[in-house]
Amino acid sequence: MSELYPLKFEPLLKEKIWGGNALVNHYNKKADPGKKYGESWEISAVGDNLSVVSNGFLAGNNIEELIEVYMGDITGDAVFDKFGNEFPLLIKLIEAQQDLSIQVHPGNELALKRHKAYGKTEMWYILESGKDSKIYSGFREAVSRDTYLKATEEGSIAELLNYDISTPGDVFFTPAGRIHAIGEGILLVEIQQTSDITYRIFDWNRKGDDKNPRELHNDLAVDAIDFKAVGSNKTFKTPVLNKTENLVKCGFFVTNIIRFDEFIRKDYNLIDSFIIYICTEGEFLIRWDGNSEPVTKGETVLLPAMIKDVVLEPSSEATLLEIFIPEILDQHNIN
């Protein structure tokens, strides 16, 4: 069996009514610059949106086919034992030129019961933001179910929500059950469980391409919402040059940030997981076993779990997000 290598995938670009052209112009996604793209799915194992390898001898194979053949060599033995051929994370770049809908995602227990799927805990790392761009997340204060239902009927749900003005480098961690929305003028990285289950609560009275109001899912959403999820969940950590800094650690993923202008040696022998790199600034080389793979701004790379020792070499200065699965827990019981 041929040796594995750092894998790149063809981005899956999604046209959205609220999208723009920064994914093409600022993050090197090859697509029609005249169309409005809201999302670029960088690594996906969702249904009919399976990522396909774009580099090396495995080009043309999708992510499920890779895991079926290479199993734990790709994902890590513990990850493979838990998830099988399903890759457990979905990585996206999202550009919002209009406010996205107010929404919520179910946790594992509810998603399993209703959809035979995983729930959706996620995090956002802000890449670009307008001067007054907002992230809506959680309620301003705890609300009752009746108060919430009245607000949805009146179309005033936004008045109950907490919001923060966002700036590049901000981090928002959103557990399943926390009500939220991305505001206009924001471009971000989204790291989430492999799930495409979204309950839309309010869409600012916007109409879809068919000129009809977009579908809402309030009957489903009300049982998914954590009414005690209140206040700001915004954090910010200034990266220390040439150090690995943690941004988020939860039962589903760990996300670190690395800003570096010299060689960084990474030893993953104690991590039984794949590693994902997302280059947010600059460019760098991944060096391993006498080989190298270039990574440029906007690219996402999957480092197979069997590759345990790499050197990251910046061209001048680069910044990346480093993501992996922590020690495997009983994730059906994590909400």
Protein backbone atom coordinates (compact mmCIF):
# COMPACT_ATOMS: atom_id res chain seq x y z
CA MET A 1 0.00 0.00 0.00
CA SER A 2 1.42 3.38 -0.98
CA GLU A 3 2.37 5.82 1.72
CA LEU A 4 -0.12 8.51 2.57
CA TYR A 5 0.65 12.21 2.31
CA PRO A 6 -0.98 15.58 3.23
CA LEU A 7 -4.28 15.61 1.35
CA LYS A 8 -5.98 18.55 -0.33
CA PHE A 9 -9.57 18.50 -1.58
CA GLU A 10 -11.61 20.26 -4.24
CA PRO A 11 -13.62 22.99 -2.47
CA LEU A 12 -17.39 22.58 -2.73
CA LEU A 13 -18.67 26.10 -3.37
CA LYS A 14 -22.26 26.91 -2.45
CA GLU A 15 -24.21 29.76 -4.00
CA LYS A 16 -26.25 31.60 -1.37
CA ILE A 17 -28.66 34.51 -1.55
CA TRP A 18 -26.64 36.17 1.21
CA GLY A 19 -23.18 35.39 -0.25
CA GLY A 20 -20.58 37.49 -2.05
CA ASN A 21 -17.31 37.14 -3.99
CA ALA A 22 -14.58 37.35 -1.31
CA LEU A 23 -14.13 33.57 -1.22
CA VAL A 24 -13.05 33.79 -4.86
CA ASN A 25 -11.17 37.10 -4.67
CA HIS A 26 -9.50 36.85 -1.23
CA TYR A 27 -9.17 33.10 -0.62
CA ASN A 28 -8.31 31.79 -4.07
CA LYS A 29 -11.37 29.65 -4.67
CA LYS A 30 -11.70 28.87 -8.38
CA ALA A 31 -15.25 29.71 -9.37
CA ASP A 32 -17.34 32.19 -11.34
CA PRO A 33 -16.57 35.61 -9.78
CA GLY A 34 -19.94 36.88 -10.97
CA LYS A 35 -21.87 34.56 -8.66
CA LYS A 36 -22.62 34.96 -4.96
CA TYR A 37 -20.92 32.24 -2.97
CA GLY A 38 -21.74 31.97 0.71
CA GLU A 39 -19.85 28.82 1.62
CA SER A 40 -16.83 26.81 0.59
CA TRP A 41 -16.98 23.31 2.05
CA GLU A 42 -13.30 22.50 2.49
CA ILE A 43 -13.60 18.99 3.96
CA SER A 44 -16.97 17.29 3.98
CA ALA A 45 -18.41 13.82 4.50
CA VAL A 46 -22.02 15.01 4.39
CA GLY A 47 -24.37 12.93 2.23
CA ASP A 48 -23.94 13.84 -1.42
CA ASN A 49 -21.28 16.45 -0.59
CA LEU A 50 -18.27 14.16 -0.24
CA SER A 51 -14.92 15.92 -0.62
CA VAL A 52 -12.73 14.67 -3.47
CA VAL A 53 -8.91 14.66 -3.29
CA SER A 54 -7.23 17.18 -5.61
CA ASN A 55 -3.53 16.36 -5.16
CA GLY A 56 -1.20 13.37 -5.48
CA PHE A 57 -1.87 9.80 -6.59
CA LEU A 58 -5.19 9.66 -4.68
CA ALA A 59 -6.68 12.55 -6.69
CA GLY A 60 -10.25 11.79 -7.73
CA ASN A 61 -11.06 9.61 -4.71
CA ASN A 62 -13.63 10.86 -2.22
CA ILE A 63 -13.11 10.96 1.52
CA GLU A 64 -15.28 7.94 2.27
CA GLU A 65 -13.34 5.84 -0.24
CA LEU A 66 -10.06 6.90 1.39
CA ILE A 67 -11.19 5.93 4.87
CA GLU A 68 -12.65 2.64 3.63
CA VAL A 69 -9.22 1.66 2.29
CA TYR A 70 -6.83 3.28 4.79
CA MET A 71 -9.04 3.26 7.90
CA GLY A 72 -7.16 4.38 11.02
CA ASP A 73 -4.10 5.37 8.97
CA ILE A 74 -6.20 8.30 7.77
CA THR A 75 -8.32 9.18 10.80
CA GLY A 76 -6.55 7.56 13.75
CA ASP A 77 -7.44 4.17 15.21
CA ALA A 78 -9.68 5.51 17.99
CA VAL A 79 -11.47 7.85 15.59
CA PHE A 80 -12.01 5.01 13.10
CA ASP A 81 -13.32 2.72 15.86
CA LYS A 82 -15.86 5.42 16.78
CA PHE A 83 -16.93 6.78 13.40
CA GLY A 84 -16.02 4.11 10.85
CA ASN A 85 -15.94 5.44 7.29
CA GLU A 86 -17.65 8.70 8.27
CA PHE A 87 -15.24 11.61 8.67
CA PRO A 88 -16.32 13.34 11.90
CA LEU A 89 -15.73 17.02 11.08
CA LEU A 90 -17.07 19.45 8.48
CA ILE A 91 -14.82 22.41 7.64
CA LYS A 92 -16.21 25.49 5.88
CA LEU A 93 -15.33 29.03 4.92
CA ILE A 94 -18.44 31.23 5.13
CA GLU A 95 -18.97 34.71 3.68
CA ALA A 96 -22.05 36.67 4.77
CA GLN A 97 -22.85 39.83 2.80
CA GLN A 98 -26.27 39.85 4.47
CA ASP A 99 -27.37 38.67 7.91
CA LEU A 100 -27.83 34.92 7.99
CA SER A 101 -30.96 33.44 9.51
CA ILE A 102 -31.34 33.09 13.27
CA GLN A 103 -31.03 29.38 13.86
CA VAL A 104 -30.19 26.55 16.22
CA HIS A 105 -28.76 23.05 15.88
CA PRO A 106 -29.81 19.97 17.85
CA GLY A 107 -27.44 18.04 20.08
CA ASN A 108 -26.49 14.43 19.50
CA GLU A 109 -29.35 12.90 21.45
CA LEU A 110 -32.10 14.83 19.67
CA ALA A 111 -30.43 14.55 16.25
CA LEU A 112 -30.07 10.79 16.67
CA LYS A 113 -33.71 10.45 17.67
CA ARG A 114 -35.11 12.66 14.88
CA HIS A 115 -32.66 12.29 12.02
CA LYS A 116 -30.44 9.29 12.83
CA ALA A 117 -27.52 11.73 12.61
CA TYR A 118 -25.02 13.55 14.77
CA GLY A 119 -25.84 16.91 16.30
CA LYS A 120 -23.94 20.07 15.52
CA THR A 121 -21.59 21.79 17.90
CA GLU A 122 -19.46 24.33 16.06
CA MET A 123 -16.99 27.19 16.36
CA TRP A 124 -16.23 30.25 14.28
CA TYR A 125 -12.90 31.95 13.72
CA ILE A 126 -13.36 35.43 12.23
CA LEU A 127 -11.18 36.17 9.19
CA GLU A 128 -12.72 39.43 7.98
CA SER A 129 -15.32 41.71 9.50
CA GLY A 130 -17.04 45.00 8.73
CA LYS A 131 -16.74 47.89 11.18
CA ASP A 132 -20.09 47.20 12.84
CA SER A 133 -20.61 43.56 11.88
CA LYS A 134 -22.41 41.46 14.48
CA ILE A 135 -22.36 37.89 15.67
CA TYR A 136 -25.63 36.94 17.37
CA SER A 137 -25.16 34.19 19.93
CA GLY A 138 -27.26 33.20 22.92
CA PHE A 139 -29.94 35.21 24.67
CA ARG A 140 -29.28 38.49 26.47
CA GLU A 141 -30.73 36.87 29.55
CA ALA A 142 -32.50 33.60 30.30
CA VAL A 143 -35.98 33.51 28.75
CA SER A 144 -38.94 31.25 29.26
CA ARG A 145 -40.26 29.01 26.53
CA ASP A 146 -43.46 31.10 26.44
CA THR A 147 -41.53 34.37 26.04
CA TYR A 148 -39.52 32.84 23.23
CA LEU A 149 -42.63 31.51 21.44
CA LYS A 150 -44.34 34.90 21.67
CA ALA A 151 -41.28 36.60 20.18
CA THR A 152 -41.17 34.16 17.26
CA GLU A 153 -44.85 34.78 16.56
CA GLU A 154 -44.30 38.55 16.61
CA GLY A 155 -41.08 38.41 14.57
CA SER A 156 -39.16 40.09 17.39
CA ILE A 157 -36.81 37.25 18.32
CA ALA A 158 -33.70 39.31 17.50
CA GLU A 159 -34.56 41.64 20.37
CA LEU A 160 -34.02 38.79 22.84
CA LEU A 161 -30.57 37.88 21.52
CA ASN A 162 -27.12 38.79 22.71
CA TYR A 163 -24.76 40.12 20.06
CA ASP A 164 -21.10 41.11 19.82
CA ILE A 165 -19.36 43.37 17.34
CA SER A 166 -16.84 41.09 15.68
CA THR A 167 -13.23 41.73 14.69
CA PRO A 168 -10.72 39.51 12.87
CA GLY A 169 -9.27 36.92 15.22
CA ASP A 170 -12.39 36.63 17.37
CA VAL A 171 -13.52 33.12 18.29
CA PHE A 172 -17.12 32.09 18.95
CA PHE A 173 -17.79 28.61 20.33
CA THR A 174 -21.39 27.51 19.80
CA PRO A 175 -22.52 24.29 21.46
CA ALA A 176 -25.59 22.59 20.05
CA GLY A 177 -28.68 24.26 21.47
CA ARG A 178 -27.28 27.79 21.50
CA ILE A 179 -29.30 30.14 19.27
CA HIS A 180 -27.12 32.14 16.86
CA ALA A 181 -26.66 33.98 13.55
CA ILE A 182 -23.78 35.37 11.49
CA GLY A 183 -24.18 39.06 10.71
CA GLU A 184 -23.50 40.85 7.44
CA GLY A 185 -19.95 41.77 6.46
CA ILE A 186 -18.27 38.74 8.04
CA LEU A 187 -16.04 36.05 6.56
CA LEU A 188 -15.10 33.19 8.86
CA VAL A 189 -13.89 29.63 9.29
CA GLU A 190 -16.51 27.22 10.64
CA ILE A 191 -15.39 24.00 12.31
CA GLN A 192 -18.23 21.66 13.24
CA GLN A 193 -19.40 18.12 13.72
CA THR A 194 -20.33 16.34 10.51
CA SER A 195 -23.96 17.39 10.37
CA ASP A 196 -26.12 19.45 8.05
CA ILE A 197 -29.08 19.80 10.42
CA THR A 198 -30.17 23.41 10.89
CA TYR A 199 -33.43 24.66 12.36
CA ARG A 200 -34.18 28.11 10.91
CA ILE A 201 -36.06 30.30 13.42
CA PHE A 202 -36.23 33.73 11.78
CA ASP A 203 -34.90 34.97 8.44
CA TRP A 204 -35.42 38.74 8.65
CA ASN A 205 -38.54 38.42 6.44
CA ARG A 206 -36.28 37.60 3.50
CA LYS A 207 -37.61 35.86 0.42
CA GLY A 208 -35.82 33.08 -1.43
CA ASP A 209 -35.02 32.82 -5.13
CA ASP A 210 -38.59 31.65 -5.68
CA LYS A 211 -39.85 34.98 -4.19
CA ASN A 212 -41.52 33.14 -1.33
CA PRO A 213 -40.60 33.47 2.36
CA ARG A 214 -37.89 30.98 3.29
CA GLU A 215 -38.97 27.91 5.25
CA LEU A 216 -38.82 28.10 9.05
CA HIS A 217 -38.53 25.18 11.46
CA ASN A 218 -39.89 26.57 14.71
CA ASP A 219 -41.75 23.42 15.72
CA LEU A 220 -38.47 21.52 15.58
CA ALA A 221 -36.32 24.32 16.99
CA VAL A 222 -38.16 24.91 20.23
CA ASP A 223 -37.17 21.55 21.69
CA ALA A 224 -33.55 22.00 20.62
CA ILE A 225 -32.95 25.41 22.21
CA ASP A 226 -31.01 25.91 25.44
CA PHE A 227 -32.94 28.81 26.96
CA LYS A 228 -30.22 29.24 29.59
CA ALA A 229 -27.47 29.86 27.02
CA VAL A 230 -26.99 33.58 27.67
CA GLY A 231 -24.41 36.31 27.36
CA SER A 232 -21.31 36.64 25.23
CA ASN A 233 -19.32 33.62 24.07
CA LYS A 234 -16.71 35.74 22.28
CA THR A 235 -13.06 35.08 23.04
CA PHE A 236 -9.85 36.44 21.54
CA LYS A 237 -6.30 35.22 21.91
CA THR A 238 -3.36 37.08 20.43
CA PRO A 239 -1.11 34.41 18.89
CA VAL A 240 2.38 34.25 20.40
CA LEU A 241 4.85 34.07 17.54
CA ASN A 242 6.14 30.53 16.93
CA LYS A 243 3.97 29.01 19.66
CA THR A 244 0.88 26.79 19.46
CA GLU A 245 -2.03 28.53 21.23
CA ASN A 246 -5.31 26.79 22.05
CA LEU A 247 -8.55 28.49 20.92
CA VAL A 248 -11.20 25.82 21.64
CA LYS A 249 -11.19 22.41 23.28
CA CYS A 250 -14.38 20.40 23.52
CA GLY A 251 -15.46 16.78 23.22
CA PHE A 252 -15.74 17.03 19.44
CA PHE A 253 -12.61 18.91 18.35
CA VAL A 254 -9.55 20.85 19.48
CA THR A 255 -8.60 24.00 17.56
CA ASN A 256 -5.25 25.74 17.97
CA ILE A 257 -3.70 28.72 16.21
CA ILE A 258 -0.08 28.93 15.10
CA ARG A 259 1.52 32.17 13.84
CA PHE A 260 5.08 31.52 12.80
CA ASP A 261 8.05 33.00 10.95
CA GLU A 262 10.51 30.14 11.52
CA PHE A 263 10.44 26.36 11.26
CA ILE A 264 7.90 24.68 13.58
CA ARG A 265 8.43 21.00 14.40
CA LYS A 266 5.26 19.11 15.24
CA ASP A 267 5.26 15.73 17.00
CA TYR A 268 1.83 14.04 16.88
CA ASN A 269 2.86 10.70 18.36
CA LEU A 270 0.60 11.20 21.38
CA ILE A 271 -2.42 12.25 19.28
CA ASP A 272 -4.50 9.38 17.85
CA SER A 273 -6.19 11.55 15.24
CA PHE A 274 -5.83 13.15 11.84
CA ILE A 275 -4.70 16.80 11.83
CA ILE A 276 -6.31 19.54 9.75
CA TYR A 277 -4.41 22.70 8.79
CA ILE A 278 -6.25 25.78 7.52
CA CYS A 279 -3.94 28.51 6.23
CA THR A 280 -5.47 31.88 7.12
CA GLU A 281 -2.48 34.11 6.24
CA GLY A 282 0.70 33.70 4.21
CA GLU A 283 1.95 30.36 2.96
CA PHE A 284 4.10 27.50 4.21
CA LEU A 285 5.50 24.07 3.37
CA ILE A 286 4.63 20.85 5.18
CA ARG A 287 7.82 18.75 5.24
CA TRP A 288 7.77 15.05 6.15
CA ASP A 289 9.99 12.05 5.35
CA GLY A 290 12.00 14.00 2.79
CA ASN A 291 8.83 15.25 1.02
CA SER A 292 7.06 18.60 1.00
CA GLU A 293 3.61 20.02 0.22
CA PRO A 294 2.97 23.78 -0.25
CA VAL A 295 -0.02 25.37 1.45
CA THR A 296 -1.27 28.85 0.57
CA LYS A 297 -3.80 31.26 2.08
CA GLY A 298 -7.31 29.81 1.93
CA GLU A 299 -6.18 26.19 1.57
CA THR A 300 -7.18 23.37 3.92
CA VAL A 301 -5.04 20.24 4.27
CA LEU A 302 -5.74 16.90 5.94
CA LEU A 303 -2.66 15.32 7.51
CA PRO A 304 -3.30 11.57 7.85
CA ALA A 305 -2.94 10.15 11.36
CA MET A 306 -0.09 7.86 10.28
CA ILE A 307 2.16 10.89 9.67
CA LYS A 308 3.40 11.71 13.15
CA ASP A 309 6.35 14.05 12.59
CA VAL A 310 6.27 17.13 10.34
CA VAL A 311 8.08 20.43 9.98
CA LEU A 312 6.11 23.53 9.03
CA GLU A 313 8.25 25.99 7.08
CA PRO A 314 6.83 29.49 6.39
CA SER A 315 7.79 31.41 3.27
CA SER A 316 8.07 34.54 5.47
CA GLU A 317 5.27 34.58 8.05
CA ALA A 318 2.15 32.44 8.09
CA THR A 319 -0.85 31.75 10.32
CA LEU A 320 -2.78 28.51 10.46
CA LEU A 321 -5.49 26.78 12.42
CA GLU A 322 -4.62 23.28 13.65
CA ILE A 323 -7.60 20.97 14.32
CA PHE A 324 -7.85 17.40 15.58
CA ILE A 325 -10.14 15.07 17.51
CA PRO A 326 -9.39 14.86 21.24
CA GLU A 327 -9.41 11.63 23.20
CA ILE A 328 -12.55 9.80 22.10
CA LEU A 329 -15.47 10.03 24.51
CA ASP A 330 -19.00 8.65 24.36
CA GLN A 331 -20.05 11.47 22.07
CA HIS A 332 -23.71 10.49 21.83
CA ASN A 333 -23.97 11.66 25.44
CA ILE A 334 -22.35 15.04 24.84
CA ASN A 335 -24.73 17.88 24.03
